[in-house]
N, C-alpha and C. Protein backbone atom coordinates (compact mmCIF):
# COMPACT_ATOMS: atom_id res chain seq x y z
N UNK A 1 10.32 17.44 -1.09
CA UNK A 1 10.03 16.11 -1.59
C UNK A 1 8.54 15.84 -1.34
N UNK A 2 7.83 15.45 -2.38
CA UNK A 2 6.41 15.17 -2.26
C UNK A 2 6.22 13.67 -1.98
N UNK A 3 5.56 13.37 -0.85
CA UNK A 3 5.43 11.99 -0.41
C UNK A 3 3.98 11.64 -0.14
N UNK A 4 3.69 10.34 -0.24
CA UNK A 4 2.31 9.88 -0.02
C UNK A 4 2.29 8.50 0.60
N UNK A 5 1.20 8.25 1.30
CA UNK A 5 0.86 6.90 1.72
C UNK A 5 -0.40 6.54 0.96
N UNK A 6 -0.32 5.49 0.15
CA UNK A 6 -1.44 5.06 -0.69
C UNK A 6 -1.97 3.73 -0.16
N UNK A 7 -3.24 3.70 0.15
CA UNK A 7 -3.89 2.47 0.55
C UNK A 7 -4.71 1.95 -0.61
N UNK A 8 -4.36 0.78 -1.11
CA UNK A 8 -5.07 0.18 -2.24
C UNK A 8 -6.08 -0.82 -1.71
N UNK A 9 -7.34 -0.67 -2.11
CA UNK A 9 -8.34 -1.59 -1.59
C UNK A 9 -9.66 -1.51 -2.32
N UNK A 10 -10.65 -2.16 -1.71
CA UNK A 10 -12.01 -2.18 -2.23
C UNK A 10 -12.93 -2.44 -1.03
N UNK A 11 -14.24 -2.37 -1.22
CA UNK A 11 -15.16 -2.64 -0.10
C UNK A 11 -15.43 -4.13 0.13
N UNK A 12 -14.56 -4.99 -0.36
CA UNK A 12 -14.80 -6.43 -0.33
C UNK A 12 -13.86 -7.15 0.64
N UNK A 13 -14.40 -7.60 1.76
CA UNK A 13 -13.66 -8.41 2.71
C UNK A 13 -12.36 -7.77 3.16
N UNK A 14 -11.30 -8.58 3.17
CA UNK A 14 -10.01 -8.13 3.67
C UNK A 14 -9.34 -7.10 2.77
N UNK A 15 -9.88 -6.89 1.59
CA UNK A 15 -9.33 -5.88 0.70
C UNK A 15 -9.56 -4.46 1.24
N UNK A 16 -10.35 -4.35 2.30
CA UNK A 16 -10.59 -3.04 2.94
C UNK A 16 -9.47 -2.64 3.89
N UNK A 17 -8.58 -3.57 4.21
CA UNK A 17 -7.60 -3.33 5.27
C UNK A 17 -6.73 -2.11 5.00
N UNK A 18 -6.29 -1.91 3.78
CA UNK A 18 -5.41 -0.77 3.49
C UNK A 18 -6.13 0.55 3.73
N UNK A 19 -7.40 0.64 3.33
CA UNK A 19 -8.16 1.86 3.56
C UNK A 19 -8.29 2.14 5.05
N UNK A 20 -8.59 1.11 5.84
CA UNK A 20 -8.72 1.27 7.28
C UNK A 20 -7.40 1.73 7.89
N UNK A 21 -6.30 1.15 7.48
CA UNK A 21 -4.99 1.52 8.02
C UNK A 21 -4.62 2.95 7.64
N UNK A 22 -4.91 3.35 6.40
CA UNK A 22 -4.65 4.73 5.99
C UNK A 22 -5.46 5.71 6.83
N UNK A 23 -6.73 5.42 7.07
CA UNK A 23 -7.56 6.30 7.90
C UNK A 23 -6.97 6.45 9.30
N UNK A 24 -6.57 5.34 9.90
CA UNK A 24 -6.04 5.38 11.26
C UNK A 24 -4.69 6.10 11.31
N UNK A 25 -3.84 5.88 10.33
CA UNK A 25 -2.54 6.56 10.30
C UNK A 25 -2.71 8.06 10.08
N UNK A 26 -3.65 8.43 9.23
CA UNK A 26 -3.88 9.84 8.97
C UNK A 26 -4.35 10.56 10.25
N UNK A 27 -5.13 9.88 11.07
CA UNK A 27 -5.54 10.45 12.35
C UNK A 27 -4.33 10.64 13.27
N UNK A 28 -3.40 9.70 13.20
CA UNK A 28 -2.20 9.76 14.03
C UNK A 28 -1.23 10.84 13.56
N UNK A 29 -1.16 11.05 12.25
CA UNK A 29 -0.22 12.00 11.65
C UNK A 29 -0.97 13.00 10.78
N UNK A 30 -1.81 13.84 11.39
CA UNK A 30 -2.59 14.80 10.60
C UNK A 30 -1.73 16.00 10.19
N UNK A 31 -0.99 15.84 9.13
CA UNK A 31 -0.14 16.94 8.69
C UNK A 31 -0.20 17.07 7.18
N UNK A 32 0.28 18.19 6.73
CA UNK A 32 0.31 18.41 5.29
C UNK A 32 1.59 17.85 4.67
N UNK A 33 2.46 17.25 5.48
CA UNK A 33 3.71 16.71 4.96
C UNK A 33 3.50 15.43 4.15
N UNK A 34 2.42 14.72 4.45
CA UNK A 34 2.16 13.46 3.77
C UNK A 34 0.80 13.54 3.10
N UNK A 35 0.74 13.13 1.84
CA UNK A 35 -0.55 13.01 1.15
C UNK A 35 -1.09 11.62 1.46
N UNK A 36 -2.31 11.58 1.93
CA UNK A 36 -2.95 10.31 2.28
C UNK A 36 -4.00 10.01 1.23
N UNK A 37 -3.89 8.87 0.57
CA UNK A 37 -4.84 8.54 -0.49
C UNK A 37 -5.33 7.10 -0.34
N UNK A 38 -6.62 6.95 -0.58
CA UNK A 38 -7.21 5.61 -0.65
C UNK A 38 -7.56 5.38 -2.12
N UNK A 39 -6.95 4.35 -2.67
CA UNK A 39 -7.07 4.05 -4.09
C UNK A 39 -7.93 2.81 -4.26
N UNK A 40 -8.86 2.84 -5.21
CA UNK A 40 -9.72 1.69 -5.47
C UNK A 40 -9.02 0.69 -6.38
N UNK A 41 -9.16 -0.58 -6.04
CA UNK A 41 -8.63 -1.66 -6.89
C UNK A 41 -9.74 -2.12 -7.82
N UNK A 42 -9.45 -2.50 -9.06
CA UNK A 42 -8.12 -2.50 -9.65
C UNK A 42 -7.60 -1.09 -9.85
N UNK A 43 -6.30 -0.96 -9.86
CA UNK A 43 -5.66 0.34 -9.75
C UNK A 43 -5.22 0.92 -11.10
N UNK A 44 -6.14 0.96 -12.04
CA UNK A 44 -5.78 1.47 -13.36
C UNK A 44 -5.36 2.93 -13.31
N UNK A 45 -5.85 3.69 -12.34
CA UNK A 45 -5.47 5.11 -12.25
C UNK A 45 -4.13 5.30 -11.55
N UNK A 46 -3.57 4.24 -11.00
CA UNK A 46 -2.33 4.36 -10.23
C UNK A 46 -1.15 4.79 -11.09
N UNK A 47 -1.17 4.48 -12.36
CA UNK A 47 -0.07 4.86 -13.25
C UNK A 47 0.19 6.36 -13.14
N UNK A 48 -0.85 7.16 -13.20
CA UNK A 48 -0.67 8.61 -13.10
C UNK A 48 -0.34 9.05 -11.67
N UNK A 49 -0.92 8.39 -10.68
CA UNK A 49 -0.69 8.79 -9.30
C UNK A 49 0.76 8.58 -8.86
N UNK A 50 1.36 7.48 -9.26
CA UNK A 50 2.72 7.22 -8.78
C UNK A 50 3.73 8.21 -9.34
N UNK A 51 3.47 8.77 -10.51
CA UNK A 51 4.43 9.69 -11.10
C UNK A 51 4.39 11.08 -10.46
N UNK A 52 3.41 11.35 -9.64
CA UNK A 52 3.26 12.65 -9.00
C UNK A 52 4.19 12.80 -7.79
N UNK A 53 4.57 11.69 -7.17
CA UNK A 53 5.29 11.72 -5.91
C UNK A 53 6.77 11.37 -6.08
N UNK A 54 7.55 11.82 -5.10
CA UNK A 54 8.97 11.46 -5.04
C UNK A 54 9.16 10.18 -4.23
N UNK A 55 8.25 9.96 -3.28
CA UNK A 55 8.31 8.76 -2.45
C UNK A 55 6.90 8.34 -2.08
N UNK A 56 6.63 7.03 -2.16
CA UNK A 56 5.33 6.53 -1.71
C UNK A 56 5.51 5.27 -0.86
N UNK A 57 4.62 5.17 0.11
CA UNK A 57 4.47 3.95 0.88
C UNK A 57 3.12 3.40 0.48
N UNK A 58 3.11 2.22 -0.10
CA UNK A 58 1.88 1.58 -0.54
C UNK A 58 1.49 0.53 0.49
N UNK A 59 0.22 0.59 0.91
CA UNK A 59 -0.35 -0.42 1.79
C UNK A 59 -1.36 -1.19 0.95
N UNK A 60 -1.26 -2.52 0.95
CA UNK A 60 -2.14 -3.32 0.10
C UNK A 60 -2.34 -4.70 0.71
N UNK A 61 -3.50 -5.26 0.48
CA UNK A 61 -3.74 -6.66 0.82
C UNK A 61 -3.25 -7.49 -0.36
N UNK A 62 -2.64 -8.62 -0.07
CA UNK A 62 -2.06 -9.41 -1.15
C UNK A 62 -2.14 -10.89 -0.82
N UNK A 63 -2.03 -11.70 -1.86
CA UNK A 63 -1.93 -13.14 -1.71
C UNK A 63 -0.44 -13.48 -1.79
N UNK A 64 0.14 -13.83 -0.63
CA UNK A 64 1.57 -14.09 -0.57
C UNK A 64 1.88 -15.48 -0.05
N UNK A 65 0.84 -16.30 0.20
CA UNK A 65 1.07 -17.63 0.72
C UNK A 65 1.44 -17.66 2.19
N UNK A 66 1.06 -16.64 2.93
CA UNK A 66 1.34 -16.55 4.36
C UNK A 66 0.05 -16.79 5.15
N UNK A 67 0.15 -16.77 6.45
CA UNK A 67 -1.03 -16.88 7.30
C UNK A 67 -1.83 -15.58 7.22
N UNK A 68 -3.16 -15.66 7.19
CA UNK A 68 -3.97 -14.44 7.12
C UNK A 68 -3.61 -13.46 8.24
N UNK A 69 -3.43 -12.20 7.85
CA UNK A 69 -3.08 -11.16 8.80
C UNK A 69 -1.59 -10.94 8.96
N UNK A 70 -0.77 -11.89 8.49
CA UNK A 70 0.68 -11.66 8.50
C UNK A 70 0.99 -10.55 7.51
N UNK A 71 2.06 -9.83 7.76
CA UNK A 71 2.39 -8.71 6.89
C UNK A 71 3.89 -8.61 6.71
N UNK A 72 4.28 -7.96 5.63
CA UNK A 72 5.69 -7.73 5.34
C UNK A 72 5.88 -6.27 4.94
N UNK A 73 7.04 -5.74 5.26
CA UNK A 73 7.43 -4.40 4.83
C UNK A 73 8.62 -4.55 3.90
N UNK A 74 8.50 -3.97 2.73
CA UNK A 74 9.59 -4.02 1.75
C UNK A 74 10.03 -2.60 1.47
N UNK A 75 11.21 -2.25 1.97
CA UNK A 75 11.76 -0.93 1.71
C UNK A 75 12.47 -0.95 0.37
N UNK A 76 12.41 0.17 -0.34
CA UNK A 76 13.04 0.26 -1.66
C UNK A 76 12.61 -0.91 -2.55
N UNK A 77 11.33 -1.01 -2.80
CA UNK A 77 10.74 -2.17 -3.46
C UNK A 77 10.66 -2.07 -4.98
N UNK A 78 11.27 -1.06 -5.57
CA UNK A 78 11.18 -0.89 -7.02
C UNK A 78 11.65 -2.14 -7.77
N UNK A 79 12.74 -2.74 -7.34
CA UNK A 79 13.26 -3.91 -8.06
C UNK A 79 12.28 -5.07 -7.99
N UNK A 80 11.55 -5.19 -6.89
CA UNK A 80 10.54 -6.25 -6.79
C UNK A 80 9.40 -6.03 -7.77
N UNK A 81 9.06 -4.78 -7.98
CA UNK A 81 7.96 -4.46 -8.91
C UNK A 81 8.38 -4.61 -10.36
N UNK A 82 9.67 -4.62 -10.61
CA UNK A 82 10.15 -4.73 -11.98
C UNK A 82 10.37 -6.17 -12.41
N UNK A 83 10.23 -7.12 -11.48
CA UNK A 83 10.35 -8.53 -11.84
C UNK A 83 9.17 -8.91 -12.72
N UNK A 84 9.38 -9.90 -13.57
CA UNK A 84 8.31 -10.31 -14.48
C UNK A 84 7.09 -10.82 -13.76
N UNK A 85 7.29 -11.62 -12.73
CA UNK A 85 6.15 -12.19 -12.02
C UNK A 85 6.40 -12.12 -10.54
N UNK A 86 5.43 -11.60 -9.81
CA UNK A 86 5.55 -11.48 -8.37
C UNK A 86 4.16 -11.58 -7.76
N UNK A 87 4.09 -11.64 -6.44
CA UNK A 87 2.79 -11.74 -5.77
C UNK A 87 2.53 -10.52 -4.90
N UNK A 88 2.97 -9.34 -5.34
CA UNK A 88 2.80 -8.16 -4.51
C UNK A 88 1.39 -7.60 -4.55
N UNK A 89 0.52 -8.13 -5.38
CA UNK A 89 -0.84 -7.63 -5.39
C UNK A 89 -1.81 -8.76 -5.67
N UNK A 90 -3.00 -8.61 -5.12
CA UNK A 90 -4.02 -9.62 -5.33
C UNK A 90 -4.99 -9.20 -6.43
N UNK A 91 -4.69 -8.14 -7.13
CA UNK A 91 -5.63 -7.57 -8.09
C UNK A 91 -5.18 -7.86 -9.53
N UNK A 92 -6.15 -7.92 -10.43
CA UNK A 92 -5.84 -8.22 -11.83
C UNK A 92 -4.95 -7.15 -12.44
N UNK A 93 -5.29 -5.89 -12.28
CA UNK A 93 -4.43 -4.79 -12.72
C UNK A 93 -3.90 -4.17 -11.45
N UNK A 94 -2.80 -4.69 -10.98
CA UNK A 94 -2.30 -4.30 -9.68
C UNK A 94 -1.17 -3.30 -9.74
N UNK A 95 -0.57 -3.14 -8.62
CA UNK A 95 0.54 -2.21 -8.46
C UNK A 95 1.69 -2.55 -9.39
N UNK A 96 2.03 -3.82 -9.47
CA UNK A 96 3.16 -4.21 -10.31
C UNK A 96 2.92 -3.83 -11.78
N UNK A 97 1.74 -4.11 -12.28
CA UNK A 97 1.44 -3.78 -13.68
C UNK A 97 1.43 -2.27 -13.89
N UNK A 98 0.91 -1.53 -12.93
CA UNK A 98 0.91 -0.07 -13.03
C UNK A 98 2.34 0.47 -13.03
N UNK A 99 3.17 -0.08 -12.16
CA UNK A 99 4.56 0.35 -12.08
C UNK A 99 5.28 0.07 -13.40
N UNK A 100 5.09 -1.14 -13.92
CA UNK A 100 5.76 -1.51 -15.17
C UNK A 100 5.26 -0.67 -16.35
N UNK A 101 3.97 -0.35 -16.35
CA UNK A 101 3.43 0.49 -17.41
C UNK A 101 4.02 1.90 -17.34
N UNK A 102 4.08 2.47 -16.14
CA UNK A 102 4.66 3.80 -15.96
C UNK A 102 6.12 3.81 -16.41
N UNK A 103 6.84 2.77 -16.07
CA UNK A 103 8.26 2.68 -16.48
C UNK A 103 8.37 2.59 -18.00
N UNK A 104 7.53 1.76 -18.62
CA UNK A 104 7.56 1.61 -20.08
C UNK A 104 7.21 2.91 -20.79
N UNK A 105 6.37 3.71 -20.16
CA UNK A 105 5.98 5.00 -20.75
C UNK A 105 7.00 6.10 -20.47
N UNK A 106 8.04 5.77 -19.76
CA UNK A 106 9.09 6.74 -19.46
C UNK A 106 8.68 7.77 -18.41
N UNK A 107 7.71 7.43 -17.58
CA UNK A 107 7.25 8.35 -16.55
C UNK A 107 8.24 8.36 -15.38
N UNK A 108 8.23 9.46 -14.66
CA UNK A 108 9.05 9.57 -13.45
C UNK A 108 8.53 8.59 -12.41
N UNK A 109 9.42 7.80 -11.85
CA UNK A 109 9.03 6.82 -10.84
C UNK A 109 9.57 7.25 -9.48
N UNK A 110 8.75 7.13 -8.45
CA UNK A 110 9.18 7.52 -7.11
C UNK A 110 9.96 6.40 -6.42
N UNK A 111 10.58 6.75 -5.29
CA UNK A 111 11.05 5.71 -4.38
C UNK A 111 9.78 5.07 -3.83
N UNK A 112 9.81 3.76 -3.64
CA UNK A 112 8.59 3.08 -3.20
C UNK A 112 8.89 2.04 -2.13
N UNK A 113 8.07 2.08 -1.09
CA UNK A 113 8.11 1.06 -0.04
C UNK A 113 6.74 0.38 -0.05
N UNK A 114 6.72 -0.90 0.29
CA UNK A 114 5.47 -1.65 0.31
C UNK A 114 5.21 -2.23 1.69
N UNK A 115 3.97 -2.13 2.12
CA UNK A 115 3.50 -2.80 3.33
C UNK A 115 2.35 -3.68 2.87
N UNK A 116 2.59 -4.98 2.86
CA UNK A 116 1.64 -5.94 2.31
C UNK A 116 1.06 -6.81 3.41
N UNK A 117 -0.26 -6.99 3.37
CA UNK A 117 -0.97 -7.79 4.37
C UNK A 117 -1.57 -9.01 3.69
N UNK A 118 -1.29 -10.19 4.24
CA UNK A 118 -1.87 -11.41 3.69
C UNK A 118 -3.37 -11.42 3.98
N UNK A 119 -4.15 -11.49 2.92
CA UNK A 119 -5.60 -11.53 3.10
C UNK A 119 -6.10 -12.94 3.32
N UNK A 120 -7.29 -13.04 3.89
CA UNK A 120 -7.94 -14.33 4.08
C UNK A 120 -9.07 -14.51 3.07
N UNK A 121 -9.86 -13.45 2.89
CA UNK A 121 -11.01 -13.54 1.98
C UNK A 121 -11.36 -12.16 1.42
N UNK A 122 -11.94 -12.18 0.25
CA UNK A 122 -12.40 -10.94 -0.42
C UNK A 122 -13.82 -11.11 -0.91
N UNK A 123 -14.67 -11.66 -0.07
CA UNK A 123 -16.07 -11.86 -0.44
C UNK A 123 -16.73 -10.51 -0.70
N UNK A 124 -17.56 -10.42 -1.75
CA UNK A 124 -18.21 -9.14 -2.08
C UNK A 124 -18.96 -8.55 -0.89
N UNK A 125 -18.61 -7.32 -0.56
CA UNK A 125 -19.25 -6.51 0.47
C UNK A 125 -19.17 -7.12 1.88
N UNK A 126 -18.31 -8.10 2.08
CA UNK A 126 -18.13 -8.71 3.40
C UNK A 126 -17.25 -7.81 4.26
N UNK A 127 -17.36 -7.93 5.58
CA UNK A 127 -16.45 -7.17 6.45
C UNK A 127 -15.05 -7.78 6.44
N UNK A 128 -14.13 -7.07 7.05
CA UNK A 128 -12.78 -7.60 7.22
C UNK A 128 -12.86 -8.83 8.12
N UNK A 129 -12.11 -9.87 7.80
CA UNK A 129 -12.15 -11.11 8.58
C UNK A 129 -11.65 -10.87 10.00
N UNK A 130 -12.13 -11.71 10.91
CA UNK A 130 -11.72 -11.62 12.31
C UNK A 130 -10.21 -11.82 12.45
N UNK A 131 -9.66 -12.67 11.62
CA UNK A 131 -8.21 -12.93 11.65
C UNK A 131 -7.42 -11.65 11.40
N UNK A 132 -7.83 -10.87 10.40
CA UNK A 132 -7.13 -9.61 10.12
C UNK A 132 -7.43 -8.57 11.19
N UNK A 133 -8.69 -8.50 11.62
CA UNK A 133 -9.05 -7.52 12.66
C UNK A 133 -8.18 -7.70 13.90
N UNK A 134 -7.92 -8.94 14.25
CA UNK A 134 -7.13 -9.20 15.47
C UNK A 134 -5.69 -8.72 15.35
N UNK A 135 -5.21 -8.55 14.12
CA UNK A 135 -3.82 -8.15 13.91
C UNK A 135 -3.66 -6.66 13.57
N UNK A 136 -4.77 -5.92 13.55
CA UNK A 136 -4.71 -4.49 13.23
C UNK A 136 -3.80 -3.73 14.20
N UNK A 137 -3.87 -3.98 15.51
CA UNK A 137 -2.95 -3.26 16.41
C UNK A 137 -1.47 -3.48 16.06
N UNK A 138 -1.10 -4.71 15.72
CA UNK A 138 0.28 -5.00 15.32
C UNK A 138 0.64 -4.29 14.03
N UNK A 139 -0.28 -4.30 13.07
CA UNK A 139 -0.04 -3.61 11.80
C UNK A 139 0.18 -2.13 12.03
N UNK A 140 -0.70 -1.53 12.85
CA UNK A 140 -0.59 -0.09 13.12
C UNK A 140 0.70 0.25 13.86
N UNK A 141 1.08 -0.58 14.80
CA UNK A 141 2.33 -0.34 15.53
C UNK A 141 3.51 -0.32 14.57
N UNK A 142 3.56 -1.29 13.67
CA UNK A 142 4.65 -1.35 12.70
C UNK A 142 4.60 -0.16 11.74
N UNK A 143 3.41 0.15 11.23
CA UNK A 143 3.28 1.27 10.30
C UNK A 143 3.61 2.60 10.96
N UNK A 144 3.22 2.78 12.21
CA UNK A 144 3.54 4.02 12.92
C UNK A 144 5.05 4.18 13.05
N UNK A 145 5.76 3.09 13.31
CA UNK A 145 7.23 3.14 13.37
C UNK A 145 7.80 3.52 12.01
N UNK A 146 7.28 2.90 10.96
CA UNK A 146 7.77 3.19 9.61
C UNK A 146 7.55 4.66 9.27
N UNK A 147 6.34 5.15 9.51
CA UNK A 147 6.03 6.54 9.17
C UNK A 147 6.83 7.50 10.05
N UNK A 148 6.95 7.23 11.34
CA UNK A 148 7.67 8.16 12.21
C UNK A 148 9.16 8.19 11.89
N UNK A 149 9.75 7.05 11.56
CA UNK A 149 11.17 7.02 11.20
C UNK A 149 11.39 7.75 9.88
N UNK A 150 10.51 7.49 8.92
CA UNK A 150 10.69 8.08 7.59
C UNK A 150 10.13 9.49 7.48
N UNK A 151 9.35 9.90 8.46
CA UNK A 151 8.70 11.21 8.36
C UNK A 151 9.73 12.33 8.18
N UNK A 152 10.79 12.29 8.95
CA UNK A 152 11.80 13.34 8.84
C UNK A 152 12.77 13.09 7.69
N UNK A 153 13.00 11.82 7.37
CA UNK A 153 13.95 11.49 6.30
C UNK A 153 13.32 11.56 4.92
N UNK A 154 12.15 10.93 4.78
CA UNK A 154 11.53 10.75 3.48
C UNK A 154 10.24 11.55 3.34
N UNK A 155 9.38 11.44 4.32
CA UNK A 155 8.06 12.06 4.24
C UNK A 155 8.12 13.51 4.67
N UNK A 156 8.87 14.32 3.93
CA UNK A 156 8.89 15.75 4.22
C UNK A 156 8.75 16.52 2.92
N UNK A 157 8.16 17.67 3.04
CA UNK A 157 7.87 18.48 1.86
C UNK A 157 9.12 19.25 1.46
C-alpha cells in the first residue's frame, strides 16, 4: 500500500504550519514506508498527487471558526470532501475542489484522513503566529500518535 503525509501550505503566516509539521514528523519517522510531501497552495497539482496513493494523511491550515491553533483530526474524511460546501481548506483551489475534480474525472481516490489547524493569519511572508507556535507541541504529539498507530495498519508499503 502506497501512503503519504501531505502538508499543504505556503510561506505566508500560519499557512506554513503544515510544512513545519511535515518536516518534524519526517525527522521522527525517517523511513521509506511513508512518502512525505510539502504541497504549495493553491493546490492545483493535488489532483494528480492524490491518485498516486492508496492512503493519505493531509495536514492543512484552515478557517473552521475555531480558536487559532485548535486542530481537528478527521479519519476517513472522503465523505466530508464530497459535500458541496465545507470549510476544510482556506485556499481558493483547495483540497475539496481537487478531490471533487479527481472524482469527476474518474481517477482512483485514496483513503484520506485530515488533520486541520485553525489559522490566525496568513499575512504575506509573515512568520507563524505566536498562538500557533505555542500549540505545535500538542499538534506534534497528536500527529505522532496518529502516524504511529496507522504506521503498521495503513502507512506500510
